[in-house]
């Protein structure tokens, strides 16, 4: 049983594919892009923030 696992591990080590560093970098870039898009568009749906005055600038104490 252990011999089969070792053979599978050796076969996977020699298989060509995407380098894990490139996969991690691409994942990071995609997630940061989605975060940036979310940040840019989040102010478009925040209707209450534009109508409410700041608590420190309220003159009706």
C-alpha atoms as a PDB file:
ATOM      1  CA  UNK A   1       0.000   0.000   0.000  1.00  0.00           C
ATOM      2  CA  UNK A   2       2.758   2.426   0.928  1.00  0.00           C
ATOM      3  CA  UNK A   3       4.603   1.533  -2.275  1.00  0.00           C
ATOM      4  CA  UNK A   4       1.623   2.737  -4.322  1.00  0.00           C
ATOM      5  CA  UNK A   5       1.561   6.061  -2.491  1.00  0.00           C
ATOM      6  CA  UNK A   6       5.276   6.586  -3.134  1.00  0.00           C
ATOM      7  CA  UNK A   7       4.832   5.790  -6.823  1.00  0.00           C
ATOM      8  CA  UNK A   8       1.926   8.225  -7.096  1.00  0.00           C
ATOM      9  CA  UNK A   9       3.939  10.956  -5.362  1.00  0.00           C
ATOM     10  CA  UNK A  10       6.883  10.444  -7.722  1.00  0.00           C
ATOM     11  CA  UNK A  11       4.589  10.571 -10.732  1.00  0.00           C
ATOM     12  CA  UNK A  12       2.985  13.789  -9.519  1.00  0.00           C
ATOM     13  CA  UNK A  13       6.392  15.353  -8.916  1.00  0.00           C
ATOM     14  CA  UNK A  14       7.380  14.782 -12.552  1.00  0.00           C
ATOM     15  CA  UNK A  15       4.071  15.896 -14.031  1.00  0.00           C
ATOM     16  CA  UNK A  16       4.117  19.238 -15.770  1.00  0.00           C
ATOM     17  CA  UNK A  17       1.577  21.813 -14.808  1.00  0.00           C
ATOM     18  CA  UNK A  18       1.099  25.292 -13.499  1.00  0.00           C
ATOM     19  CA  UNK A  19       3.742  26.444 -11.046  1.00  0.00           C
ATOM     20  CA  UNK A  20       2.161  26.976  -7.604  1.00  0.00           C
ATOM     21  CA  UNK A  21       3.826  30.374  -7.320  1.00  0.00           C
ATOM     22  CA  UNK A  22       2.088  31.575 -10.473  1.00  0.00           C
ATOM     23  CA  UNK A  23      -1.228  30.164  -9.311  1.00  0.00           C
ATOM     24  CA  UNK A  24      -0.913  31.930  -5.953  1.00  0.00           C
ATOM     25  CA  UNK A  25       0.079  35.198  -7.614  1.00  0.00           C
ATOM     26  CA  UNK A  26      -2.808  35.063 -10.060  1.00  0.00           C
ATOM     27  CA  UNK A  27      -5.241  34.266  -7.253  1.00  0.00           C
ATOM     28  CA  UNK A  28      -3.925  37.206  -5.224  1.00  0.00           C
ATOM     29  CA  UNK A  29      -4.241  39.604  -8.162  1.00  0.00           C
ATOM     30  CA  UNK A  30      -7.790  38.460  -8.931  1.00  0.00           C
ATOM     31  CA  UNK A  31      -8.929  38.756  -5.320  1.00  0.00           C
ATOM     32  CA  UNK A  32      -7.361  42.199  -4.898  1.00  0.00           C
ATOM     33  CA  UNK A  33      -9.032  43.351  -8.121  1.00  0.00           C
ATOM     34  CA  UNK A  34     -12.402  42.170  -6.837  1.00  0.00           C
ATOM     35  CA  UNK A  35     -11.766  43.955  -3.551  1.00  0.00           C
ATOM     36  CA  UNK A  36     -10.906  47.159  -5.407  1.00  0.00           C
ATOM     37  CA  UNK A  37     -14.021  46.971  -7.562  1.00  0.00           C
ATOM     38  CA  UNK A  38     -16.127  46.352  -4.448  1.00  0.00           C
ATOM     39  CA  UNK A  39     -14.551  49.346  -2.721  1.00  0.00           C
ATOM     40  CA  UNK A  40     -15.153  51.634  -5.706  1.00  0.00           C
ATOM     41  CA  UNK A  41     -18.783  50.635  -6.129  1.00  0.00           C
ATOM     42  CA  UNK A  42     -19.681  50.478  -2.434  1.00  0.00           C
ATOM     43  CA  UNK A  43     -20.115  54.255  -2.247  1.00  0.00           C
ATOM     44  CA  UNK A  44     -22.762  54.157  -4.976  1.00  0.00           C
ATOM     45  CA  UNK A  45     -25.164  52.173  -2.784  1.00  0.00           C
ATOM     46  CA  UNK A  46     -24.528  54.048   0.470  1.00  0.00           C
ATOM     47  CA  UNK A  47     -27.462  56.485   0.241  1.00  0.00           C
ATOM     48  CA  UNK A  48     -27.757  57.259   3.952  1.00  0.00           C
ATOM     49  CA  UNK A  49     -24.158  58.400   4.358  1.00  0.00           C
ATOM     50  CA  UNK A  50     -24.611  61.252   1.880  1.00  0.00           C
ATOM     51  CA  UNK A  51     -27.783  62.542   3.590  1.00  0.00           C
ATOM     52  CA  UNK A  52     -26.746  62.337   7.253  1.00  0.00           C
ATOM     53  CA  UNK A  53     -24.604  65.120   8.674  1.00  0.00           C
ATOM     54  CA  UNK A  54     -21.550  64.144  10.682  1.00  0.00           C
ATOM     55  CA  UNK A  55     -22.189  63.868  14.405  1.00  0.00           C
ATOM     56  CA  UNK A  56     -19.499  66.462  15.227  1.00  0.00           C
ATOM     57  CA  UNK A  57     -20.927  69.114  12.878  1.00  0.00           C
ATOM     58  CA  UNK A  58     -24.492  69.052  14.214  1.00  0.00           C
ATOM     59  CA  UNK A  59     -25.403  72.607  15.317  1.00  0.00           C
ATOM     60  CA  UNK A  60     -28.597  71.657  17.246  1.00  0.00           C
ATOM     61  CA  UNK A  61     -26.893  70.449  20.452  1.00  0.00           C
END
